[in-house]
């Protein structure tokens, strides 16, 4: 890994690695409760 000043400093192979890593699915956290993992707002969230 190396530091870069801007996006144009990336080589084509480095850019492909970045794009590939961004397209990987992220594992969902299993440390929370059903309350923490809810997707919709509840009445308390809307207060």
C-alpha atoms as a PDB file:
ATOM      1  CA  UNK A   1       0.000   0.000   0.000  1.00  0.00           C
ATOM      2  CA  UNK A   2       1.172   3.514  -0.759  1.00  0.00           C
ATOM      3  CA  UNK A   3      -0.004   7.049  -0.238  1.00  0.00           C
ATOM      4  CA  UNK A   4      -1.327   8.992  -3.218  1.00  0.00           C
ATOM      5  CA  UNK A   5      -1.891  12.701  -3.733  1.00  0.00           C
ATOM      6  CA  UNK A   6      -4.993  12.334  -5.925  1.00  0.00           C
ATOM      7  CA  UNK A   7      -7.004   9.802  -7.886  1.00  0.00           C
ATOM      8  CA  UNK A   8      -4.929  10.309 -11.024  1.00  0.00           C
ATOM      9  CA  UNK A   9      -1.911   8.889  -9.218  1.00  0.00           C
ATOM     10  CA  UNK A  10      -3.484   5.404  -9.203  1.00  0.00           C
ATOM     11  CA  UNK A  11      -2.310   2.858 -11.725  1.00  0.00           C
ATOM     12  CA  UNK A  12      -4.905   0.880 -13.684  1.00  0.00           C
ATOM     13  CA  UNK A  13      -4.303  -2.258 -11.603  1.00  0.00           C
ATOM     14  CA  UNK A  14      -4.611  -0.297  -8.344  1.00  0.00           C
ATOM     15  CA  UNK A  15      -7.866   1.261  -9.541  1.00  0.00           C
ATOM     16  CA  UNK A  16      -9.251  -2.180 -10.440  1.00  0.00           C
ATOM     17  CA  UNK A  17      -8.404  -3.437  -6.932  1.00  0.00           C
ATOM     18  CA  UNK A  18     -10.188  -0.460  -5.369  1.00  0.00           C
ATOM     19  CA  UNK A  19     -13.304  -0.992  -7.492  1.00  0.00           C
ATOM     20  CA  UNK A  20     -13.275  -4.728  -6.758  1.00  0.00           C
ATOM     21  CA  UNK A  21     -13.007  -4.141  -3.001  1.00  0.00           C
ATOM     22  CA  UNK A  22     -15.888  -1.647  -3.103  1.00  0.00           C
ATOM     23  CA  UNK A  23     -18.151  -4.127  -4.871  1.00  0.00           C
ATOM     24  CA  UNK A  24     -17.748  -6.869  -2.228  1.00  0.00           C
ATOM     25  CA  UNK A  25     -20.818  -7.455  -0.076  1.00  0.00           C
ATOM     26  CA  UNK A  26     -20.448  -6.327   3.523  1.00  0.00           C
ATOM     27  CA  UNK A  27     -21.349  -8.793   6.255  1.00  0.00           C
ATOM     28  CA  UNK A  28     -24.219  -7.636   8.440  1.00  0.00           C
ATOM     29  CA  UNK A  29     -23.395  -7.112  12.076  1.00  0.00           C
ATOM     30  CA  UNK A  30     -24.751  -9.813  14.375  1.00  0.00           C
ATOM     31  CA  UNK A  31     -23.936  -8.012  17.599  1.00  0.00           C
ATOM     32  CA  UNK A  32     -27.126  -5.971  17.792  1.00  0.00           C
ATOM     33  CA  UNK A  33     -30.676  -6.712  18.819  1.00  0.00           C
ATOM     34  CA  UNK A  34     -33.795  -6.794  16.675  1.00  0.00           C
ATOM     35  CA  UNK A  35     -34.412  -3.206  17.842  1.00  0.00           C
ATOM     36  CA  UNK A  36     -30.960  -2.120  16.632  1.00  0.00           C
ATOM     37  CA  UNK A  37     -31.353  -3.925  13.306  1.00  0.00           C
ATOM     38  CA  UNK A  38     -34.804  -2.538  12.422  1.00  0.00           C
ATOM     39  CA  UNK A  39     -35.083  -0.789   9.085  1.00  0.00           C
ATOM     40  CA  UNK A  40     -38.215   1.330   9.507  1.00  0.00           C
ATOM     41  CA  UNK A  41     -38.612   4.284  11.844  1.00  0.00           C
ATOM     42  CA  UNK A  42     -40.855   3.846  14.851  1.00  0.00           C
ATOM     43  CA  UNK A  43     -42.962   6.519  16.501  1.00  0.00           C
ATOM     44  CA  UNK A  44     -40.126   7.227  18.906  1.00  0.00           C
ATOM     45  CA  UNK A  45     -37.684   7.837  16.036  1.00  0.00           C
ATOM     46  CA  UNK A  46     -40.074  10.398  14.571  1.00  0.00           C
ATOM     47  CA  UNK A  47     -40.249  12.510  17.758  1.00  0.00           C
END
